[in-house]
Each structure stands twice: as C-alpha cells, then as structure tokens.
Amino acid sequence: MASLNVSVVSADRKVWEGEASQVIAKTVEGEIGILGGHEPLLALLAQGQVRVTTAGGEKIAVDAEGGFLSVDHDSVTIVAGAAALV
C-alpha cells in the first residue's frame, strides 16, 4: 500500500508533518478515511478530531476547528483555523 505525506497546519503554525498509512477526518458531510492511492479530493473540515496513523503504526490525534482537507497524489494537506495535538 502506498504511504501518504501528511501536513497538518493551523492559521499560525505547523502542527504535525510526516509519513502516514491512514488519515481519518470529520468533514461537513461526515467522516472520511484516506489511504494511499486515494482519488484527488477537496473537503471542508467540521470541528472535530483528525486521526493519523503513521507509517510506523503510531496514532496521532489533532483537534481541528474549521478549514479544509486536500488530497492529491498521496499528499494530504489539512489546513485548520485552529488545531492542536491531543
């Protein structure tokens, strides 16, 4: 399975960046899971938790408030109005 290059940023700083096997986020249309090879996507984030499983199996959780999620060529960018590691 292809890995993902993930970047989570808030309005004022980079919150987390690295290689991951999976990303799960809450959008305004419901929860979405992203794996390697996912089709390009642009979605609006709802307030909630973004969960990242790193390539090494570690679980990262980020509380995100508003913003968007973009997927393109195994690269996931999450830009939130406010975000913090849990």
PDB file of N, CA and C in Angstrom:
ATOM      1  N   MET A   1       0.843  -1.175   0.000  1.00  0.00           N
ATOM      2  CA  MET A   1       0.000   0.000   0.000  1.00  0.00           C
ATOM      3  C   MET A   1       0.894   1.245   0.000  1.00  0.00           C
ATOM      4  N   ALA A   2       0.526   2.234  -0.791  1.00  0.00           N
ATOM      5  CA  ALA A   2       1.288   3.475  -0.865  1.00  0.00           C
ATOM      6  C   ALA A   2       1.129   4.266   0.425  1.00  0.00           C
ATOM      7  N   SER A   3       2.185   4.961   0.824  1.00  0.00           N
ATOM      8  CA  SER A   3       2.102   5.795   2.021  1.00  0.00           C
ATOM      9  C   SER A   3       1.643   7.194   1.629  1.00  0.00           C
ATOM     10  N   LEU A   4       1.245   7.943   2.629  1.00  0.00           N
ATOM     11  CA  LEU A   4       0.766   9.308   2.447  1.00  0.00           C
ATOM     12  C   LEU A   4       1.757  10.288   3.054  1.00  0.00           C
ATOM     13  N   ASN A   5       1.953  11.412   2.414  1.00  0.00           N
ATOM     14  CA  ASN A   5       2.705  12.521   3.002  1.00  0.00           C
ATOM     15  C   ASN A   5       1.662  13.478   3.568  1.00  0.00           C
ATOM     16  N   VAL A   6       1.674  13.636   4.883  1.00  0.00           N
ATOM     17  CA  VAL A   6       0.620  14.389   5.560  1.00  0.00           C
ATOM     18  C   VAL A   6       1.192  15.646   6.208  1.00  0.00           C
ATOM     19  N   SER A   7       0.455  16.736   6.056  1.00  0.00           N
ATOM     20  CA  SER A   7       0.811  18.001   6.692  1.00  0.00           C
ATOM     21  C   SER A   7      -0.447  18.575   7.336  1.00  0.00           C
ATOM     22  N   VAL A   8      -0.375  18.839   8.641  1.00  0.00           N
ATOM     23  CA  VAL A   8      -1.486  19.454   9.375  1.00  0.00           C
ATOM     24  C   VAL A   8      -1.002  20.810   9.864  1.00  0.00           C
ATOM     25  N   VAL A   9      -1.670  21.876   9.414  1.00  0.00           N
ATOM     26  CA  VAL A   9      -1.281  23.225   9.817  1.00  0.00           C
ATOM     27  C   VAL A   9      -2.495  23.990  10.317  1.00  0.00           C
ATOM     28  N   SER A  10      -2.228  24.935  11.209  1.00  0.00           N
ATOM     29  CA  SER A  10      -3.280  25.850  11.654  1.00  0.00           C
ATOM     30  C   SER A  10      -2.942  27.214  11.075  1.00  0.00           C
ATOM     31  N   ALA A  11      -3.731  28.189  11.419  1.00  0.00           N
ATOM     32  CA  ALA A  11      -3.522  29.532  10.867  1.00  0.00           C
ATOM     33  C   ALA A  11      -2.157  30.107  11.236  1.00  0.00           C
ATOM     34  N   ASP A  12      -1.582  29.664  12.360  1.00  0.00           N
ATOM     35  CA  ASP A  12      -0.338  30.292  12.825  1.00  0.00           C
ATOM     36  C   ASP A  12       0.881  29.377  12.916  1.00  0.00           C
ATOM     37  N   ARG A  13       0.714  28.045  12.667  1.00  0.00           N
ATOM     38  CA  ARG A  13       1.880  27.165  12.807  1.00  0.00           C
ATOM     39  C   ARG A  13       1.635  25.789  12.178  1.00  0.00           C
ATOM     40  N   LYS A  14       2.725  25.069  11.993  1.00  0.00           N
ATOM     41  CA  LYS A  14       2.652  23.677  11.551  1.00  0.00           C
ATOM     42  C   LYS A  14       2.412  22.831  12.794  1.00  0.00           C
ATOM     43  N   VAL A  15       1.385  22.002  12.767  1.00  0.00           N
ATOM     44  CA  VAL A  15       1.029  21.181  13.921  1.00  0.00           C
ATOM     45  C   VAL A  15       1.711  19.813  13.852  1.00  0.00           C
ATOM     46  N   TRP A  16       1.662  19.164  12.676  1.00  0.00           N
ATOM     47  CA  TRP A  16       2.299  17.866  12.504  1.00  0.00           C
ATOM     48  C   TRP A  16       2.557  17.628  11.028  1.00  0.00           C
ATOM     49  N   GLU A  17       3.683  16.967  10.746  1.00  0.00           N
ATOM     50  CA  GLU A  17       4.004  16.628   9.368  1.00  0.00           C
ATOM     51  C   GLU A  17       4.758  15.312   9.366  1.00  0.00           C
ATOM     52  N   GLY A  18       4.441  14.430   8.419  1.00  0.00           N
ATOM     53  CA  GLY A  18       5.155  13.168   8.334  1.00  0.00           C
ATOM     54  C   GLY A  18       4.501  12.198   7.386  1.00  0.00           C
ATOM     55  N   GLU A  19       5.016  10.974   7.399  1.00  0.00           N
ATOM     56  CA  GLU A  19       4.518   9.911   6.543  1.00  0.00           C
ATOM     57  C   GLU A  19       3.474   9.114   7.313  1.00  0.00           C
ATOM     58  N   ALA A  20       2.389   8.759   6.635  1.00  0.00           N
ATOM     59  CA  ALA A  20       1.300   8.045   7.302  1.00  0.00           C
ATOM     60  C   ALA A  20       0.733   6.959   6.404  1.00  0.00           C
ATOM     61  N   SER A  21       0.050   6.010   7.033  1.00  0.00           N
ATOM     62  CA  SER A  21      -0.633   4.967   6.275  1.00  0.00           C
ATOM     63  C   SER A  21      -2.122   5.267   6.144  1.00  0.00           C
ATOM     64  N   GLN A  22      -2.643   6.124   7.047  1.00  0.00           N
ATOM     65  CA  GLN A  22      -4.080   6.411   7.044  1.00  0.00           C
ATOM     66  C   GLN A  22      -4.363   7.750   7.717  1.00  0.00           C
ATOM     67  N   VAL A  23      -5.376   8.453   7.209  1.00  0.00           N
ATOM     68  CA  VAL A  23      -5.869   9.683   7.825  1.00  0.00           C
ATOM     69  C   VAL A  23      -7.386   9.578   7.904  1.00  0.00           C
ATOM     70  N   ILE A  24      -7.946   9.905   9.065  1.00  0.00           N
ATOM     71  CA  ILE A  24      -9.400   9.943   9.232  1.00  0.00           C
ATOM     72  C   ILE A  24      -9.747  11.340   9.741  1.00  0.00           C
ATOM     73  N   ALA A  25     -10.701  11.991   9.065  1.00  0.00           N
ATOM     74  CA  ALA A  25     -11.072  13.356   9.443  1.00  0.00           C
ATOM     75  C   ALA A  25     -12.580  13.529   9.370  1.00  0.00           C
ATOM     76  N   LYS A  26     -13.075  14.477  10.133  1.00  0.00           N
ATOM     77  CA  LYS A  26     -14.504  14.793  10.124  1.00  0.00           C
ATOM     78  C   LYS A  26     -14.723  15.979   9.194  1.00  0.00           C
ATOM     79  N   THR A  27     -15.534  15.768   8.150  1.00  0.00           N
ATOM     80  CA  THR A  27     -15.865  16.850   7.222  1.00  0.00           C
ATOM     81  C   THR A  27     -17.308  17.274   7.462  1.00  0.00           C
ATOM     82  N   VAL A  28     -17.734  18.342   6.805  1.00  0.00           N
ATOM     83  CA  VAL A  28     -19.117  18.799   6.969  1.00  0.00           C
ATOM     84  C   VAL A  28     -20.115  17.790   6.411  1.00  0.00           C
ATOM     85  N   GLU A  29     -19.651  16.841   5.590  1.00  0.00           N
ATOM     86  CA  GLU A  29     -20.523  15.818   5.020  1.00  0.00           C
ATOM     87  C   GLU A  29     -20.384  14.468   5.729  1.00  0.00           C
ATOM     88  N   GLY A  30     -19.546  14.397   6.761  1.00  0.00           N
ATOM     89  CA  GLY A  30     -19.356  13.157   7.508  1.00  0.00           C
ATOM     90  C   GLY A  30     -17.889  12.801   7.621  1.00  0.00           C
ATOM     91  N   GLU A  31     -17.618  11.687   8.271  1.00  0.00           N
ATOM     92  CA  GLU A  31     -16.241  11.255   8.479  1.00  0.00           C
ATOM     93  C   GLU A  31     -15.698  10.601   7.205  1.00  0.00           C
ATOM     94  N   ILE A  32     -14.407  10.841   6.923  1.00  0.00           N
ATOM     95  CA  ILE A  32     -13.784  10.287   5.729  1.00  0.00           C
ATOM     96  C   ILE A  32     -12.452   9.658   6.101  1.00  0.00           C
ATOM     97  N   GLY A  33     -12.138   8.550   5.454  1.00  0.00           N
ATOM     98  CA  GLY A  33     -10.860   7.880   5.639  1.00  0.00           C
ATOM     99  C   GLY A  33     -10.050   7.976   4.362  1.00  0.00           C
ATOM    100  N   ILE A  34      -8.774   8.273   4.487  1.00  0.00           N
ATOM    101  CA  ILE A  34      -7.880   8.433   3.343  1.00  0.00           C
ATOM    102  C   ILE A  34      -6.762   7.408   3.453  1.00  0.00           C
ATOM    103  N   LEU A  35      -6.562   6.623   2.393  1.00  0.00           N
ATOM    104  CA  LEU A  35      -5.460   5.678   2.283  1.00  0.00           C
ATOM    105  C   LEU A  35      -4.651   6.035   1.049  1.00  0.00           C
ATOM    106  N   GLY A  36      -3.467   5.456   0.907  1.00  0.00           N
ATOM    107  CA  GLY A  36      -2.650   5.676  -0.269  1.00  0.00           C
ATOM    108  C   GLY A  36      -3.420   5.328  -1.539  1.00  0.00           C
ATOM    109  N   GLY A  37      -3.217   6.108  -2.595  1.00  0.00           N
ATOM    110  CA  GLY A  37      -3.906   5.879  -3.854  1.00  0.00           C
ATOM    111  C   GLY A  37      -5.292   6.500  -3.933  1.00  0.00           C
ATOM    112  N   HIS A  38      -5.671   7.294  -2.911  1.00  0.00           N
ATOM    113  CA  HIS A  38      -6.996   7.923  -2.891  1.00  0.00           C
ATOM    114  C   HIS A  38      -7.137   8.908  -4.045  1.00  0.00           C
ATOM    115  N   GLU A  39      -8.327   9.008  -4.571  1.00  0.00           N
ATOM    116  CA  GLU A  39      -8.630   9.979  -5.625  1.00  0.00           C
ATOM    117  C   GLU A  39      -8.424  11.397  -5.090  1.00  0.00           C
ATOM    118  N   PRO A  40      -8.094  12.359  -5.957  1.00  0.00           N
ATOM    119  CA  PRO A  40      -7.989  13.758  -5.520  1.00  0.00           C
ATOM    120  C   PRO A  40      -9.302  14.205  -4.877  1.00  0.00           C
ATOM    121  N   LEU A  41      -9.175  15.041  -3.841  1.00  0.00           N
ATOM    122  CA  LEU A  41     -10.334  15.432  -3.051  1.00  0.00           C
ATOM    123  C   LEU A  41     -10.085  16.784  -2.407  1.00  0.00           C
ATOM    124  N   LEU A  42     -11.127  17.577  -2.290  1.00  0.00           N
ATOM    125  CA  LEU A  42     -11.096  18.807  -1.510  1.00  0.00           C
ATOM    126  C   LEU A  42     -12.359  18.807  -0.670  1.00  0.00           C
ATOM    127  N   ALA A  43     -12.220  18.890   0.653  1.00  0.00           N
ATOM    128  CA  ALA A  43     -13.378  18.822   1.544  1.00  0.00           C
ATOM    129  C   ALA A  43     -13.265  19.883   2.635  1.00  0.00           C
ATOM    130  N   LEU A  44     -14.417  20.372   3.099  1.00  0.00           N
ATOM    131  CA  LEU A  44     -14.459  21.311   4.215  1.00  0.00           C
ATOM    132  C   LEU A  44     -14.437  20.532   5.521  1.00  0.00           C
ATOM    133  N   LEU A  45     -13.547  20.932   6.432  1.00  0.00           N
ATOM    134  CA  LEU A  45     -13.468  20.274   7.737  1.00  0.00           C
ATOM    135  C   LEU A  45     -14.558  20.775   8.663  1.00  0.00           C
ATOM    136  N   ALA A  46     -15.114  19.869   9.429  1.00  0.00           N
ATOM    137  CA  ALA A  46     -16.005  20.224  10.520  1.00  0.00           C
ATOM    138  C   ALA A  46     -15.162  20.232  11.795  1.00  0.00           C
ATOM    139  N   GLN A  47     -15.680  20.813  12.858  1.00  0.00           N
ATOM    140  CA  GLN A  47     -14.954  20.780  14.121  1.00  0.00           C
ATOM    141  C   GLN A  47     -14.907  19.341  14.600  1.00  0.00           C
ATOM    142  N   GLY A  48     -13.721  18.880  14.942  1.00  0.00           N
ATOM    143  CA  GLY A  48     -13.577  17.502  15.405  1.00  0.00           C
ATOM    144  C   GLY A  48     -12.131  17.065  15.356  1.00  0.00           C
ATOM    145  N   GLN A  49     -11.938  15.788  15.480  1.00  0.00           N
ATOM    146  CA  GLN A  49     -10.597  15.242  15.566  1.00  0.00           C
ATOM    147  C   GLN A  49     -10.130  14.687  14.224  1.00  0.00           C
ATOM    148  N   VAL A  50      -8.884  14.967  13.887  1.00  0.00           N
ATOM    149  CA  VAL A  50      -8.212  14.358  12.749  1.00  0.00           C
ATOM    150  C   VAL A  50      -7.306  13.288  13.339  1.00  0.00           C
ATOM    151  N   ARG A  51      -7.450  12.045  12.856  1.00  0.00           N
ATOM    152  CA  ARG A  51      -6.656  10.938  13.378  1.00  0.00           C
ATOM    153  C   ARG A  51      -5.718  10.442  12.283  1.00  0.00           C
ATOM    154  N   VAL A  52      -4.441  10.384  12.602  1.00  0.00           N
ATOM    155  CA  VAL A  52      -3.413   9.959  11.652  1.00  0.00           C
ATOM    156  C   VAL A  52      -2.737   8.713  12.214  1.00  0.00           C
ATOM    157  N   THR A  53      -2.609   7.693  11.373  1.00  0.00           N
ATOM    158  CA  THR A  53      -1.814   6.518  11.729  1.00  0.00           C
ATOM    159  C   THR A  53      -0.524   6.628  10.937  1.00  0.00           C
ATOM    160  N   THR A  54       0.590   6.772  11.641  1.00  0.00           N
ATOM    161  CA  THR A  54       1.875   6.956  10.964  1.00  0.00           C
ATOM    162  C   THR A  54       2.297   5.665  10.273  1.00  0.00           C
ATOM    163  N   ALA A  55       3.304   5.776   9.410  1.00  0.00           N
ATOM    164  CA  ALA A  55       3.831   4.606   8.709  1.00  0.00           C
ATOM    165  C   ALA A  55       4.352   3.566   9.701  1.00  0.00           C
ATOM    166  N   GLY A  56       4.798   4.019  10.884  1.00  0.00           N
ATOM    167  CA  GLY A  56       5.297   3.118  11.916  1.00  0.00           C
ATOM    168  C   GLY A  56       4.223   2.584  12.846  1.00  0.00           C
ATOM    169  N   GLY A  57       2.949   2.970  12.625  1.00  0.00           N
ATOM    170  CA  GLY A  57       1.848   2.474  13.439  1.00  0.00           C
ATOM    171  C   GLY A  57       1.441   3.360  14.601  1.00  0.00           C
ATOM    172  N   GLU A  58       2.153   4.463  14.834  1.00  0.00           N
ATOM    173  CA  GLU A  58       1.808   5.380  15.923  1.00  0.00           C
ATOM    174  C   GLU A  58       0.520   6.121  15.578  1.00  0.00           C
ATOM    175  N   LYS A  59      -0.294   6.388  16.598  1.00  0.00           N
ATOM    176  CA  LYS A  59      -1.550   7.115  16.418  1.00  0.00           C
ATOM    177  C   LYS A  59      -1.362   8.568  16.849  1.00  0.00           C
ATOM    178  N   ILE A  60      -1.694   9.498  15.957  1.00  0.00           N
ATOM    179  CA  ILE A  60      -1.618  10.930  16.237  1.00  0.00           C
ATOM    180  C   ILE A  60      -3.034  11.487  16.168  1.00  0.00           C
ATOM    181  N   ALA A  61      -3.432  12.289  17.147  1.00  0.00           N
ATOM    182  CA  ALA A  61      -4.754  12.917  17.135  1.00  0.00           C
ATOM    183  C   ALA A  61      -4.594  14.425  17.220  1.00  0.00           C
ATOM    184  N   VAL A  62      -5.342  15.129  16.381  1.00  0.00           N
ATOM    185  CA  VAL A  62      -5.305  16.582  16.344  1.00  0.00           C
ATOM    186  C   VAL A  62      -6.733  17.094  16.412  1.00  0.00           C
ATOM    187  N   ASP A  63      -7.014  17.991  17.362  1.00  0.00           N
ATOM    188  CA  ASP A  63      -8.313  18.664  17.398  1.00  0.00           C
ATOM    189  C   ASP A  63      -8.259  19.789  16.381  1.00  0.00           C
ATOM    190  N   ALA A  64      -9.159  19.756  15.401  1.00  0.00           N
ATOM    191  CA  ALA A  64      -9.174  20.764  14.339  1.00  0.00           C
ATOM    192  C   ALA A  64     -10.502  21.505  14.367  1.00  0.00           C
ATOM    193  N   GLU A  65     -10.431  22.795  14.059  1.00  0.00           N
ATOM    194  CA  GLU A  65     -11.620  23.632  14.063  1.00  0.00           C
ATOM    195  C   GLU A  65     -11.719  24.364  12.734  1.00  0.00           C
ATOM    196  N   GLY A  66     -12.614  23.901  11.868  1.00  0.00           N
ATOM    197  CA  GLY A  66     -12.822  24.541  10.574  1.00  0.00           C
ATOM    198  C   GLY A  66     -11.632  24.373   9.653  1.00  0.00           C
ATOM    199  N   GLY A  67     -11.785  24.771   8.411  1.00  0.00           N
ATOM    200  CA  GLY A  67     -10.701  24.695   7.446  1.00  0.00           C
ATOM    201  C   GLY A  67     -11.021  23.726   6.334  1.00  0.00           C
ATOM    202  N   PHE A  68      -9.975  23.149   5.726  1.00  0.00           N
ATOM    203  CA  PHE A  68     -10.209  22.209   4.631  1.00  0.00           C
ATOM    204  C   PHE A  68      -9.175  21.105   4.615  1.00  0.00           C
ATOM    205  N   LEU A  69      -9.492  20.058   3.859  1.00  0.00           N
ATOM    206  CA  LEU A  69      -8.623  18.906   3.673  1.00  0.00           C
ATOM    207  C   LEU A  69      -8.457  18.723   2.165  1.00  0.00           C
ATOM    208  N   SER A  70      -7.223  18.541   1.731  1.00  0.00           N
ATOM    209  CA  SER A  70      -6.928  18.351   0.315  1.00  0.00           C
ATOM    210  C   SER A  70      -6.114  17.078   0.136  1.00  0.00           C
ATOM    211  N   VAL A  71      -6.498  16.264  -0.851  1.00  0.00           N
ATOM    212  CA  VAL A  71      -5.757  15.045  -1.182  1.00  0.00           C
ATOM    213  C   VAL A  71      -5.369  15.131  -2.654  1.00  0.00           C
ATOM    214  N   ASP A  72      -4.078  14.917  -2.937  1.00  0.00           N
ATOM    215  CA  ASP A  72      -3.609  14.917  -4.318  1.00  0.00           C
ATOM    216  C   ASP A  72      -2.298  14.143  -4.400  1.00  0.00           C
ATOM    217  N   HIS A  73      -2.253  13.100  -5.229  1.00  0.00           N
ATOM    218  CA  HIS A  73      -1.045  12.301  -5.435  1.00  0.00           C
ATOM    219  C   HIS A  73      -0.414  11.826  -4.123  1.00  0.00           C
ATOM    220  N   ASP A  74      -1.195  11.170  -3.276  1.00  0.00           N
ATOM    221  CA  ASP A  74      -0.736  10.631  -1.987  1.00  0.00           C
ATOM    222  C   ASP A  74      -0.171  11.701  -1.052  1.00  0.00           C
ATOM    223  N   SER A  75      -0.613  12.921  -1.250  1.00  0.00           N
ATOM    224  CA  SER A  75      -0.247  14.017  -0.361  1.00  0.00           C
ATOM    225  C   SER A  75      -1.534  14.571   0.255  1.00  0.00           C
ATOM    226  N   VAL A  76      -1.586  14.593   1.593  1.00  0.00           N
ATOM    227  CA  VAL A  76      -2.764  15.085   2.308  1.00  0.00           C
ATOM    228  C   VAL A  76      -2.371  16.363   3.048  1.00  0.00           C
ATOM    229  N   THR A  77      -3.093  17.437   2.769  1.00  0.00           N
ATOM    230  CA  THR A  77      -2.858  18.708   3.448  1.00  0.00           C
ATOM    231  C   THR A  77      -4.131  19.083   4.195  1.00  0.00           C
ATOM    232  N   ILE A  78      -3.966  19.336   5.493  1.00  0.00           N
ATOM    233  CA  ILE A  78      -5.088  19.752   6.325  1.00  0.00           C
ATOM    234  C   ILE A  78      -4.756  21.132   6.854  1.00  0.00           C
ATOM    235  N   VAL A  79      -5.602  22.097   6.486  1.00  0.00           N
ATOM    236  CA  VAL A  79      -5.413  23.480   6.922  1.00  0.00           C
ATOM    237  C   VAL A  79      -6.607  23.830   7.791  1.00  0.00           C
ATOM    238  N   ALA A  80      -6.365  24.064   9.073  1.00  0.00           N
ATOM    239  CA  ALA A  80      -7.449  24.349  10.018  1.00  0.00           C
ATOM    240  C   ALA A  80      -7.312  25.759  10.563  1.00  0.00           C
ATOM    241  N   GLY A  81      -8.432  26.365  10.883  1.00  0.00           N
ATOM    242  CA  GLY A  81      -8.410  27.680  11.507  1.00  0.00           C
ATOM    243  C   GLY A  81      -7.692  27.634  12.845  1.00  0.00           C
ATOM    244  N   ALA A  82      -7.914  26.559  13.581  1.00  0.00           N
ATOM    245  CA  ALA A  82      -7.214  26.307  14.849  1.00  0.00           C
ATOM    246  C   ALA A  82      -7.010  24.801  14.949  1.00  0.00           C
ATOM    247  N   ALA A  83      -5.837  24.395  15.417  1.00  0.00           N
ATOM    248  CA  ALA A  83      -5.534  22.970  15.562  1.00  0.00           C
ATOM    249  C   ALA A  83      -4.507  22.766  16.659  1.00  0.00           C
ATOM    250  N   ALA A  84      -4.647  21.663  17.388  1.00  0.00           N
ATOM    251  CA  ALA A  84      -3.704  21.339  18.455  1.00  0.00           C
ATOM    252  C   ALA A  84      -3.621  19.826  18.618  1.00  0.00           C
ATOM    253  N   LEU A  85      -2.422  19.333  18.888  1.00  0.00           N
ATOM    254  CA  LEU A  85      -2.244  17.902  19.178  1.00  0.00           C
ATOM    255  C   LEU A  85      -2.994  17.563  20.452  1.00  0.00           C
ATOM    256  N   VAL A  86      -3.577  16.385  20.484  1.00  0.00           N
ATOM    257  CA  VAL A  86      -4.314  15.938  21.672  1.00  0.00           C
ATOM    258  C   VAL A  86      -3.384  15.096  22.511  1.00  0.00           C
TER     259      VAL A  86
END
